All heavy atoms as atom14 arrays in JSON, in Angstrom:
{
  "sequence": "MFIFMSPRFARYRSYLHLQSISWSHMTRMFKIGFPISLQMIFEMGAF",
  "atom14_mask": [
    [1, 1, 1, 1, 1, 1, 1, 1, 0, 0, 0, 0, 0, 0],
    [1, 1, 1, 1, 1, 1, 1, 1, 1, 1, 1, 0, 0, 0],
    [1, 1, 1, 1, 1, 1, 1, 1, 0, 0, 0, 0, 0, 0],
    [1, 1, 1, 1, 1, 1, 1, 1, 1, 1, 1, 0, 0, 0],
    [1, 1, 1, 1, 1, 1, 1, 1, 0, 0, 0, 0, 0, 0],
    [1, 1, 1, 1, 1, 1, 0, 0, 0, 0, 0, 0, 0, 0],
    [1, 1, 1, 1, 1, 1, 1, 0, 0, 0, 0, 0, 0, 0],
    [1, 1, 1, 1, 1, 1, 1, 1, 1, 1, 1, 0, 0, 0],
    [1, 1, 1, 1, 1, 1, 1, 1, 1, 1, 1, 0, 0, 0],
    [1, 1, 1, 1, 1, 0, 0, 0, 0, 0, 0, 0, 0, 0],
    [1, 1, 1, 1, 1, 1, 1, 1, 1, 1, 1, 0, 0, 0],
    [1, 1, 1, 1, 1, 1, 1, 1, 1, 1, 1, 1, 0, 0],
    [1, 1, 1, 1, 1, 1, 1, 1, 1, 1, 1, 0, 0, 0],
    [1, 1, 1, 1, 1, 1, 0, 0, 0, 0, 0, 0, 0, 0],
    [1, 1, 1, 1, 1, 1, 1, 1, 1, 1, 1, 1, 0, 0],
    [1, 1, 1, 1, 1, 1, 1, 1, 0, 0, 0, 0, 0, 0],
    [1, 1, 1, 1, 1, 1, 1, 1, 1, 1, 0, 0, 0, 0],
    [1, 1, 1, 1, 1, 1, 1, 1, 0, 0, 0, 0, 0, 0],
    [1, 1, 1, 1, 1, 1, 1, 1, 1, 0, 0, 0, 0, 0],
    [1, 1, 1, 1, 1, 1, 0, 0, 0, 0, 0, 0, 0, 0],
    [1, 1, 1, 1, 1, 1, 1, 1, 0, 0, 0, 0, 0, 0],
    [1, 1, 1, 1, 1, 1, 0, 0, 0, 0, 0, 0, 0, 0],
    [1, 1, 1, 1, 1, 1, 1, 1, 1, 1, 1, 1, 1, 1],
    [1, 1, 1, 1, 1, 1, 0, 0, 0, 0, 0, 0, 0, 0],
    [1, 1, 1, 1, 1, 1, 1, 1, 1, 1, 0, 0, 0, 0],
    [1, 1, 1, 1, 1, 1, 1, 1, 0, 0, 0, 0, 0, 0],
    [1, 1, 1, 1, 1, 1, 1, 0, 0, 0, 0, 0, 0, 0],
    [1, 1, 1, 1, 1, 1, 1, 1, 1, 1, 1, 0, 0, 0],
    [1, 1, 1, 1, 1, 1, 1, 1, 0, 0, 0, 0, 0, 0],
    [1, 1, 1, 1, 1, 1, 1, 1, 1, 1, 1, 0, 0, 0],
    [1, 1, 1, 1, 1, 1, 1, 1, 1, 0, 0, 0, 0, 0],
    [1, 1, 1, 1, 1, 1, 1, 1, 0, 0, 0, 0, 0, 0],
    [1, 1, 1, 1, 0, 0, 0, 0, 0, 0, 0, 0, 0, 0],
    [1, 1, 1, 1, 1, 1, 1, 1, 1, 1, 1, 0, 0, 0],
    [1, 1, 1, 1, 1, 1, 1, 0, 0, 0, 0, 0, 0, 0],
    [1, 1, 1, 1, 1, 1, 1, 1, 0, 0, 0, 0, 0, 0],
    [1, 1, 1, 1, 1, 1, 0, 0, 0, 0, 0, 0, 0, 0],
    [1, 1, 1, 1, 1, 1, 1, 1, 0, 0, 0, 0, 0, 0],
    [1, 1, 1, 1, 1, 1, 1, 1, 1, 0, 0, 0, 0, 0],
    [1, 1, 1, 1, 1, 1, 1, 1, 0, 0, 0, 0, 0, 0],
    [1, 1, 1, 1, 1, 1, 1, 1, 0, 0, 0, 0, 0, 0],
    [1, 1, 1, 1, 1, 1, 1, 1, 1, 1, 1, 0, 0, 0],
    [1, 1, 1, 1, 1, 1, 1, 1, 1, 0, 0, 0, 0, 0],
    [1, 1, 1, 1, 1, 1, 1, 1, 0, 0, 0, 0, 0, 0],
    [1, 1, 1, 1, 0, 0, 0, 0, 0, 0, 0, 0, 0, 0],
    [1, 1, 1, 1, 1, 0, 0, 0, 0, 0, 0, 0, 0, 0],
    [1, 1, 1, 1, 1, 1, 1, 1, 1, 1, 1, 0, 0, 0]
  ],
  "atom14_positions": [
    [[72.02, 83.97, 103.63], [70.83, 83.44, 102.85], [70.38, 84.47, 101.82], [69.99, 84.3, 100.69], [69.76, 83.07, 103.9], [69.93, 81.84, 104.47], [68.66, 81.46, 105.67], [67.17, 81.26, 104.59], [0.0, 0.0, 0.0], [0.0, 0.0, 0.0], [0.0, 0.0, 0.0], [0.0, 0.0, 0.0], [0.0, 0.0, 0.0], [0.0, 0.0, 0.0]],
    [[70.32, 85.81, 102.25], [69.93, 87.0, 101.38], [70.79, 87.02, 100.15], [70.23, 87.13, 99.1], [69.89, 88.24, 102.22], [69.66, 89.44, 101.28], [68.5, 89.65, 100.59], [70.71, 90.41, 101.32], [68.47, 90.83, 99.85], [70.57, 91.52, 100.56], [69.43, 91.76, 99.77], [0.0, 0.0, 0.0], [0.0, 0.0, 0.0], [0.0, 0.0, 0.0]],
    [[72.15, 87.02, 100.37], [73.13, 87.13, 99.26], [73.03, 86.02, 98.32], [73.05, 86.17, 97.04], [74.51, 87.32, 99.79], [74.53, 88.64, 100.65], [75.51, 87.36, 98.6], [74.25, 89.97, 99.95], [0.0, 0.0, 0.0], [0.0, 0.0, 0.0], [0.0, 0.0, 0.0], [0.0, 0.0, 0.0], [0.0, 0.0, 0.0], [0.0, 0.0, 0.0]],
    [[72.94, 84.76, 98.86], [72.97, 83.56, 97.97], [71.74, 83.21, 97.38], [71.62, 82.3, 96.51], [73.63, 82.44, 98.89], [75.16, 82.54, 99.03], [75.61, 82.53, 100.43], [76.03, 82.84, 97.99], [76.93, 82.63, 100.63], [77.33, 83.06, 98.25], [77.85, 82.91, 99.61], [0.0, 0.0, 0.0], [0.0, 0.0, 0.0], [0.0, 0.0, 0.0]],
    [[70.56, 83.78, 97.88], [69.31, 83.24, 97.4], [68.46, 84.33, 96.55], [67.68, 83.94, 95.87], [68.42, 82.66, 98.62], [69.0, 81.52, 99.21], [67.98, 80.89, 100.65], [66.61, 80.3, 99.87], [0.0, 0.0, 0.0], [0.0, 0.0, 0.0], [0.0, 0.0, 0.0], [0.0, 0.0, 0.0], [0.0, 0.0, 0.0], [0.0, 0.0, 0.0]],
    [[68.9, 85.54, 96.88], [68.05, 86.69, 96.21], [68.51, 86.6, 94.6], [69.69, 86.68, 94.34], [68.34, 88.03, 96.76], [67.85, 89.02, 96.17], [0.0, 0.0, 0.0], [0.0, 0.0, 0.0], [0.0, 0.0, 0.0], [0.0, 0.0, 0.0], [0.0, 0.0, 0.0], [0.0, 0.0, 0.0], [0.0, 0.0, 0.0], [0.0, 0.0, 0.0]],
    [[67.43, 86.78, 93.83], [67.68, 86.76, 92.41], [68.54, 88.06, 91.95], [69.25, 87.94, 90.94], [66.14, 86.96, 91.76], [65.39, 86.51, 92.81], [65.94, 86.69, 94.08], [0.0, 0.0, 0.0], [0.0, 0.0, 0.0], [0.0, 0.0, 0.0], [0.0, 0.0, 0.0], [0.0, 0.0, 0.0], [0.0, 0.0, 0.0], [0.0, 0.0, 0.0]],
    [[68.52, 89.1, 92.68], [69.21, 90.27, 92.32], [70.77, 90.12, 92.39], [71.44, 90.87, 91.72], [68.92, 91.48, 93.1], [69.37, 91.41, 94.68], [69.03, 92.69, 95.45], [67.45, 92.68, 95.59], [66.84, 93.68, 96.06], [67.38, 94.67, 96.46], [65.55, 93.61, 96.34], [0.0, 0.0, 0.0], [0.0, 0.0, 0.0], [0.0, 0.0, 0.0]],
    [[71.22, 89.09, 92.96], [72.7, 88.85, 93.14], [73.1, 87.69, 92.07], [74.17, 87.25, 92.17], [73.12, 88.5, 94.53], [72.81, 89.61, 95.41], [71.86, 89.44, 96.44], [73.52, 90.78, 95.37], [71.63, 90.45, 97.33], [73.23, 91.88, 96.28], [72.27, 91.67, 97.19], [0.0, 0.0, 0.0], [0.0, 0.0, 0.0], [0.0, 0.0, 0.0]],
    [[72.23, 87.18, 91.33], [72.49, 85.99, 90.44], [73.57, 86.34, 89.54], [74.45, 85.49, 89.32], [71.18, 85.62, 89.66], [0.0, 0.0, 0.0], [0.0, 0.0, 0.0], [0.0, 0.0, 0.0], [0.0, 0.0, 0.0], [0.0, 0.0, 0.0], [0.0, 0.0, 0.0], [0.0, 0.0, 0.0], [0.0, 0.0, 0.0], [0.0, 0.0, 0.0]],
    [[73.7, 87.55, 89.03], [74.85, 87.82, 88.1], [76.15, 87.81, 88.65], [77.14, 87.66, 88.03], [74.63, 89.24, 87.51], [74.78, 90.36, 88.54], [74.59, 91.8, 87.89], [73.29, 92.0, 87.44], [72.87, 93.2, 86.89], [73.74, 94.14, 86.89], [71.67, 93.18, 86.55], [0.0, 0.0, 0.0], [0.0, 0.0, 0.0], [0.0, 0.0, 0.0]],
    [[76.29, 87.88, 90.02], [77.52, 87.81, 90.68], [77.92, 86.48, 91.15], [79.12, 85.95, 91.33], [77.58, 88.77, 91.88], [77.05, 90.11, 91.63], [75.98, 90.77, 92.37], [77.78, 90.86, 90.72], [75.54, 92.02, 91.97], [77.36, 92.32, 90.4], [76.19, 92.75, 91.1], [75.81, 93.96, 90.76], [0.0, 0.0, 0.0], [0.0, 0.0, 0.0]],
    [[76.93, 85.56, 91.43], [77.19, 84.25, 92.03], [77.86, 83.39, 91.13], [78.58, 82.37, 91.49], [75.86, 83.66, 92.42], [75.11, 84.28, 93.72], [74.09, 83.39, 94.34], [72.97, 83.27, 93.6], [71.9, 84.16, 93.68], [71.94, 85.07, 94.54], [70.8, 83.86, 92.89], [0.0, 0.0, 0.0], [0.0, 0.0, 0.0], [0.0, 0.0, 0.0]],
    [[77.76, 83.49, 89.66], [78.41, 82.74, 88.76], [79.98, 82.82, 88.86], [80.61, 81.93, 88.42], [77.9, 83.07, 87.34], [78.3, 84.32, 87.06], [0.0, 0.0, 0.0], [0.0, 0.0, 0.0], [0.0, 0.0, 0.0], [0.0, 0.0, 0.0], [0.0, 0.0, 0.0], [0.0, 0.0, 0.0], [0.0, 0.0, 0.0], [0.0, 0.0, 0.0]],
    [[80.36, 83.89, 89.44], [81.87, 84.17, 89.65], [82.36, 83.52, 90.92], [83.55, 83.57, 91.1], [82.2, 85.63, 89.58], [81.83, 86.27, 88.23], [80.69, 86.97, 88.1], [82.73, 86.06, 87.11], [80.33, 87.52, 86.84], [82.41, 86.62, 85.87], [81.26, 87.31, 85.82], [80.79, 87.96, 84.56], [0.0, 0.0, 0.0], [0.0, 0.0, 0.0]],
    [[81.49, 83.08, 91.88], [81.88, 82.69, 93.21], [82.52, 81.25, 93.18], [81.69, 80.32, 93.42], [80.69, 82.86, 94.18], [80.25, 84.38, 94.24], [79.17, 84.3, 95.28], [81.38, 85.24, 94.61], [0.0, 0.0, 0.0], [0.0, 0.0, 0.0], [0.0, 0.0, 0.0], [0.0, 0.0, 0.0], [0.0, 0.0, 0.0], [0.0, 0.0, 0.0]],
    [[83.7, 80.98, 92.75], [84.29, 79.7, 92.78], [85.73, 79.83, 93.35], [86.25, 80.91, 93.38], [84.24, 79.0, 91.46], [84.53, 79.8, 90.35], [85.96, 80.29, 90.02], [83.79, 80.32, 89.38], [85.94, 81.05, 88.91], [84.67, 81.25, 88.57], [0.0, 0.0, 0.0], [0.0, 0.0, 0.0], [0.0, 0.0, 0.0], [0.0, 0.0, 0.0]],
    [[86.29, 78.64, 93.86], [87.54, 78.7, 94.49], [88.64, 79.33, 93.63], [89.64, 79.95, 94.14], [87.98, 77.23, 94.93], [87.02, 76.59, 96.0], [87.52, 75.21, 96.18], [87.11, 77.52, 97.28], [0.0, 0.0, 0.0], [0.0, 0.0, 0.0], [0.0, 0.0, 0.0], [0.0, 0.0, 0.0], [0.0, 0.0, 0.0], [0.0, 0.0, 0.0]],
    [[88.66, 79.22, 92.27], [89.6, 79.62, 91.41], [89.69, 81.19, 91.45], [90.8, 81.75, 91.07], [89.37, 79.19, 89.93], [89.62, 77.63, 89.79], [88.32, 76.93, 90.06], [87.44, 77.4, 90.78], [88.28, 75.71, 89.55], [0.0, 0.0, 0.0], [0.0, 0.0, 0.0], [0.0, 0.0, 0.0], [0.0, 0.0, 0.0], [0.0, 0.0, 0.0]],
    [[88.65, 81.88, 91.95], [88.64, 83.27, 91.9], [89.2, 83.96, 93.22], [89.32, 85.14, 93.39], [87.29, 83.79, 91.74], [86.69, 83.41, 90.48], [0.0, 0.0, 0.0], [0.0, 0.0, 0.0], [0.0, 0.0, 0.0], [0.0, 0.0, 0.0], [0.0, 0.0, 0.0], [0.0, 0.0, 0.0], [0.0, 0.0, 0.0], [0.0, 0.0, 0.0]],
    [[89.48, 83.02, 94.25], [90.14, 83.49, 95.42], [91.63, 83.89, 95.09], [92.33, 83.2, 94.4], [90.23, 82.42, 96.53], [88.75, 81.96, 96.93], [91.02, 82.83, 97.66], [88.73, 80.76, 97.88], [0.0, 0.0, 0.0], [0.0, 0.0, 0.0], [0.0, 0.0, 0.0], [0.0, 0.0, 0.0], [0.0, 0.0, 0.0], [0.0, 0.0, 0.0]],
    [[91.85, 85.15, 95.39], [93.2, 85.72, 94.95], [93.77, 86.54, 96.11], [93.18, 87.38, 96.78], [92.88, 86.84, 93.85], [94.0, 87.65, 93.62], [0.0, 0.0, 0.0], [0.0, 0.0, 0.0], [0.0, 0.0, 0.0], [0.0, 0.0, 0.0], [0.0, 0.0, 0.0], [0.0, 0.0, 0.0], [0.0, 0.0, 0.0], [0.0, 0.0, 0.0]],
    [[95.06, 86.23, 96.55], [95.78, 86.85, 97.48], [96.02, 88.32, 97.16], [96.02, 89.16, 98.05], [97.13, 86.14, 97.7], [96.84, 84.82, 98.53], [97.13, 83.57, 98.1], [96.46, 84.61, 99.94], [96.72, 82.63, 99.06], [96.44, 83.31, 100.2], [96.09, 85.51, 100.9], [95.99, 82.71, 101.41], [95.7, 85.02, 102.13], [95.65, 83.67, 102.41]],
    [[96.13, 88.65, 95.94], [96.43, 89.89, 95.52], [95.17, 90.93, 95.77], [95.35, 92.04, 96.2], [96.74, 90.09, 93.99], [95.69, 89.61, 93.28], [0.0, 0.0, 0.0], [0.0, 0.0, 0.0], [0.0, 0.0, 0.0], [0.0, 0.0, 0.0], [0.0, 0.0, 0.0], [0.0, 0.0, 0.0], [0.0, 0.0, 0.0], [0.0, 0.0, 0.0]],
    [[93.95, 90.3, 95.58], [92.7, 90.98, 95.76], [92.58, 91.31, 97.31], [92.32, 92.33, 97.76], [91.46, 90.21, 95.23], [91.25, 90.47, 93.84], [91.64, 89.63, 92.91], [90.68, 91.42, 93.11], [91.39, 89.95, 91.65], [90.74, 91.06, 91.88], [0.0, 0.0, 0.0], [0.0, 0.0, 0.0], [0.0, 0.0, 0.0], [0.0, 0.0, 0.0]],
    [[92.88, 90.07, 98.08], [92.59, 90.27, 99.63], [93.81, 91.24, 100.17], [93.5, 91.95, 101.1], [92.87, 88.84, 100.24], [91.51, 88.0, 100.03], [91.59, 86.51, 101.0], [92.61, 85.43, 99.92], [0.0, 0.0, 0.0], [0.0, 0.0, 0.0], [0.0, 0.0, 0.0], [0.0, 0.0, 0.0], [0.0, 0.0, 0.0], [0.0, 0.0, 0.0]],
    [[94.99, 91.17, 99.49], [96.0, 92.13, 99.99], [95.63, 93.62, 99.73], [95.89, 94.49, 100.65], [97.38, 91.79, 99.3], [97.79, 90.47, 99.5], [98.4, 92.83, 99.67], [0.0, 0.0, 0.0], [0.0, 0.0, 0.0], [0.0, 0.0, 0.0], [0.0, 0.0, 0.0], [0.0, 0.0, 0.0], [0.0, 0.0, 0.0], [0.0, 0.0, 0.0]],
    [[95.04, 93.87, 98.55], [94.59, 95.23, 98.27], [93.52, 95.72, 99.37], [93.57, 96.8, 99.8], [93.99, 95.29, 96.86], [93.6, 96.84, 96.55], [92.9, 96.99, 95.21], [92.61, 98.38, 95.01], [91.75, 98.85, 94.13], [91.1, 97.91, 93.37], [91.49, 100.04, 94.04], [0.0, 0.0, 0.0], [0.0, 0.0, 0.0], [0.0, 0.0, 0.0]],
    [[92.54, 94.79, 99.6], [91.56, 95.14, 100.55], [92.1, 95.34, 101.96], [91.73, 96.21, 102.64], [90.41, 94.01, 100.61], [89.37, 93.98, 99.56], [88.09, 92.86, 99.81], [88.87, 91.52, 98.93], [0.0, 0.0, 0.0], [0.0, 0.0, 0.0], [0.0, 0.0, 0.0], [0.0, 0.0, 0.0], [0.0, 0.0, 0.0], [0.0, 0.0, 0.0]],
    [[93.13, 94.48, 102.28], [93.66, 94.65, 103.57], [94.46, 96.03, 103.64], [94.4, 96.67, 104.64], [94.68, 93.36, 103.87], [95.3, 93.53, 105.31], [94.65, 93.02, 106.33], [96.43, 93.91, 105.52], [94.99, 92.97, 107.64], [97.02, 93.97, 106.78], [96.2, 93.45, 107.92], [0.0, 0.0, 0.0], [0.0, 0.0, 0.0], [0.0, 0.0, 0.0]],
    [[95.1, 96.37, 102.59], [95.89, 97.68, 102.68], [94.93, 98.83, 102.63], [95.36, 99.89, 103.25], [96.73, 97.81, 101.31], [97.91, 96.96, 101.24], [98.72, 97.08, 99.93], [99.89, 96.08, 100.0], [100.71, 96.37, 98.63], [0.0, 0.0, 0.0], [0.0, 0.0, 0.0], [0.0, 0.0, 0.0], [0.0, 0.0, 0.0], [0.0, 0.0, 0.0]],
    [[93.7, 98.72, 102.27], [92.69, 99.73, 102.47], [92.02, 99.64, 103.79], [91.97, 100.6, 104.64], [91.56, 99.8, 101.41], [92.13, 100.05, 99.92], [90.5, 100.75, 101.79], [91.14, 99.77, 98.9], [0.0, 0.0, 0.0], [0.0, 0.0, 0.0], [0.0, 0.0, 0.0], [0.0, 0.0, 0.0], [0.0, 0.0, 0.0], [0.0, 0.0, 0.0]],
    [[91.76, 98.48, 104.2], [91.04, 98.19, 105.46], [91.9, 98.37, 106.78], [91.53, 98.86, 107.74], [0.0, 0.0, 0.0], [0.0, 0.0, 0.0], [0.0, 0.0, 0.0], [0.0, 0.0, 0.0], [0.0, 0.0, 0.0], [0.0, 0.0, 0.0], [0.0, 0.0, 0.0], [0.0, 0.0, 0.0], [0.0, 0.0, 0.0], [0.0, 0.0, 0.0]],
    [[93.19, 98.16, 106.69], [94.07, 98.17, 107.86], [94.28, 99.6, 108.38], [94.06, 99.86, 109.58], [95.47, 97.49, 107.61], [96.31, 97.48, 108.74], [96.02, 96.68, 109.9], [97.52, 98.11, 108.63], [96.98, 96.62, 110.88], [98.36, 98.14, 109.87], [98.05, 97.37, 110.95], [0.0, 0.0, 0.0], [0.0, 0.0, 0.0], [0.0, 0.0, 0.0]],
    [[94.52, 100.55, 107.54], [94.61, 101.88, 107.96], [93.29, 102.38, 108.55], [93.13, 103.18, 109.64], [94.95, 102.79, 106.82], [95.6, 101.78, 105.85], [94.88, 100.46, 106.04], [0.0, 0.0, 0.0], [0.0, 0.0, 0.0], [0.0, 0.0, 0.0], [0.0, 0.0, 0.0], [0.0, 0.0, 0.0], [0.0, 0.0, 0.0], [0.0, 0.0, 0.0]],
    [[92.13, 101.87, 107.98], [90.76, 102.26, 108.53], [90.66, 101.63, 110.01], [90.23, 102.32, 110.98], [89.69, 101.65, 107.71], [89.65, 102.34, 106.44], [88.32, 101.84, 108.47], [88.65, 101.83, 105.38], [0.0, 0.0, 0.0], [0.0, 0.0, 0.0], [0.0, 0.0, 0.0], [0.0, 0.0, 0.0], [0.0, 0.0, 0.0], [0.0, 0.0, 0.0]],
    [[91.12, 100.38, 110.15], [91.17, 99.72, 111.44], [92.05, 100.53, 112.43], [91.6, 100.7, 113.56], [91.71, 98.24, 111.28], [90.74, 97.47, 110.57], [0.0, 0.0, 0.0], [0.0, 0.0, 0.0], [0.0, 0.0, 0.0], [0.0, 0.0, 0.0], [0.0, 0.0, 0.0], [0.0, 0.0, 0.0], [0.0, 0.0, 0.0], [0.0, 0.0, 0.0]],
    [[93.33, 100.85, 112.02], [94.07, 101.66, 112.88], [93.45, 102.97, 113.33], [93.44, 103.35, 114.53], [95.35, 102.05, 112.18], [96.4, 100.92, 111.92], [97.57, 101.36, 111.27], [96.78, 100.19, 113.25], [0.0, 0.0, 0.0], [0.0, 0.0, 0.0], [0.0, 0.0, 0.0], [0.0, 0.0, 0.0], [0.0, 0.0, 0.0], [0.0, 0.0, 0.0]],
    [[92.81, 103.68, 112.31], [92.02, 104.93, 112.79], [91.03, 104.63, 113.73], [90.83, 105.4, 114.76], [91.43, 105.44, 111.51], [90.69, 106.73, 111.73], [89.18, 106.44, 112.15], [88.51, 105.66, 111.38], [88.73, 107.08, 113.13], [0.0, 0.0, 0.0], [0.0, 0.0, 0.0], [0.0, 0.0, 0.0], [0.0, 0.0, 0.0], [0.0, 0.0, 0.0]],
    [[90.24, 103.57, 113.57], [89.17, 103.28, 114.46], [89.79, 102.78, 115.93], [89.17, 103.21, 116.91], [88.27, 102.11, 113.93], [87.51, 102.64, 112.7], [86.53, 101.34, 111.92], [85.11, 101.18, 113.13], [0.0, 0.0, 0.0], [0.0, 0.0, 0.0], [0.0, 0.0, 0.0], [0.0, 0.0, 0.0], [0.0, 0.0, 0.0], [0.0, 0.0, 0.0]],
    [[90.83, 102.11, 115.75], [91.51, 101.63, 117.11], [91.97, 102.91, 117.81], [91.88, 102.84, 119.07], [92.58, 100.6, 116.79], [92.02, 99.25, 116.45], [93.47, 100.46, 117.98], [92.99, 98.26, 115.95], [0.0, 0.0, 0.0], [0.0, 0.0, 0.0], [0.0, 0.0, 0.0], [0.0, 0.0, 0.0], [0.0, 0.0, 0.0], [0.0, 0.0, 0.0]],
    [[92.61, 103.75, 117.19], [93.18, 104.93, 117.77], [92.03, 105.68, 118.52], [92.27, 106.15, 119.66], [93.92, 105.8, 116.73], [95.19, 105.25, 116.19], [95.57, 105.67, 114.86], [95.96, 104.39, 116.94], [96.66, 105.07, 114.37], [97.11, 103.89, 116.39], [97.46, 104.28, 115.0], [0.0, 0.0, 0.0], [0.0, 0.0, 0.0], [0.0, 0.0, 0.0]],
    [[90.89, 105.85, 117.86], [89.8, 106.54, 118.5], [89.13, 105.71, 119.54], [89.04, 106.09, 120.67], [88.71, 106.89, 117.33], [87.55, 107.61, 117.95], [86.55, 107.96, 116.96], [86.74, 107.65, 115.69], [85.5, 108.4, 117.29], [0.0, 0.0, 0.0], [0.0, 0.0, 0.0], [0.0, 0.0, 0.0], [0.0, 0.0, 0.0], [0.0, 0.0, 0.0]],
    [[88.72, 104.5, 119.15], [87.91, 103.71, 120.22], [88.78, 103.17, 121.28], [88.45, 103.08, 122.49], [87.29, 102.55, 119.47], [86.2, 102.85, 118.47], [84.79, 103.7, 119.39], [83.69, 103.86, 117.91], [0.0, 0.0, 0.0], [0.0, 0.0, 0.0], [0.0, 0.0, 0.0], [0.0, 0.0, 0.0], [0.0, 0.0, 0.0], [0.0, 0.0, 0.0]],
    [[90.09, 102.91, 120.87], [91.11, 102.66, 121.85], [91.39, 103.63, 123.01], [91.57, 103.37, 124.13], [0.0, 0.0, 0.0], [0.0, 0.0, 0.0], [0.0, 0.0, 0.0], [0.0, 0.0, 0.0], [0.0, 0.0, 0.0], [0.0, 0.0, 0.0], [0.0, 0.0, 0.0], [0.0, 0.0, 0.0], [0.0, 0.0, 0.0], [0.0, 0.0, 0.0]],
    [[91.21, 104.91, 122.45], [91.42, 105.94, 123.44], [90.27, 105.88, 124.5], [90.51, 106.17, 125.71], [91.46, 107.28, 122.7], [0.0, 0.0, 0.0], [0.0, 0.0, 0.0], [0.0, 0.0, 0.0], [0.0, 0.0, 0.0], [0.0, 0.0, 0.0], [0.0, 0.0, 0.0], [0.0, 0.0, 0.0], [0.0, 0.0, 0.0], [0.0, 0.0, 0.0]],
    [[89.09, 105.73, 124.0], [87.9, 105.47, 124.89], [88.08, 104.31, 125.77], [87.83, 104.29, 127.06], [86.68, 105.58, 124.09], [86.1, 106.92, 123.68], [86.54, 107.44, 122.48], [85.16, 107.53, 124.42], [86.11, 108.72, 122.02], [84.77, 108.86, 124.12], [85.27, 109.34, 122.89], [0.0, 0.0, 0.0], [0.0, 0.0, 0.0], [0.0, 0.0, 0.0]]
  ]
}
């Protein structure tokens, strides 16, 4: 509700449509996030 209703995010909401969903963008995020996940798993998994 905060993201979709606050006026400060209005400039971004106009780009939020199905045509902007991109596997290449998600792949890039996954490539950054997956090593972070591994690092956290190695640490928390040890505990």
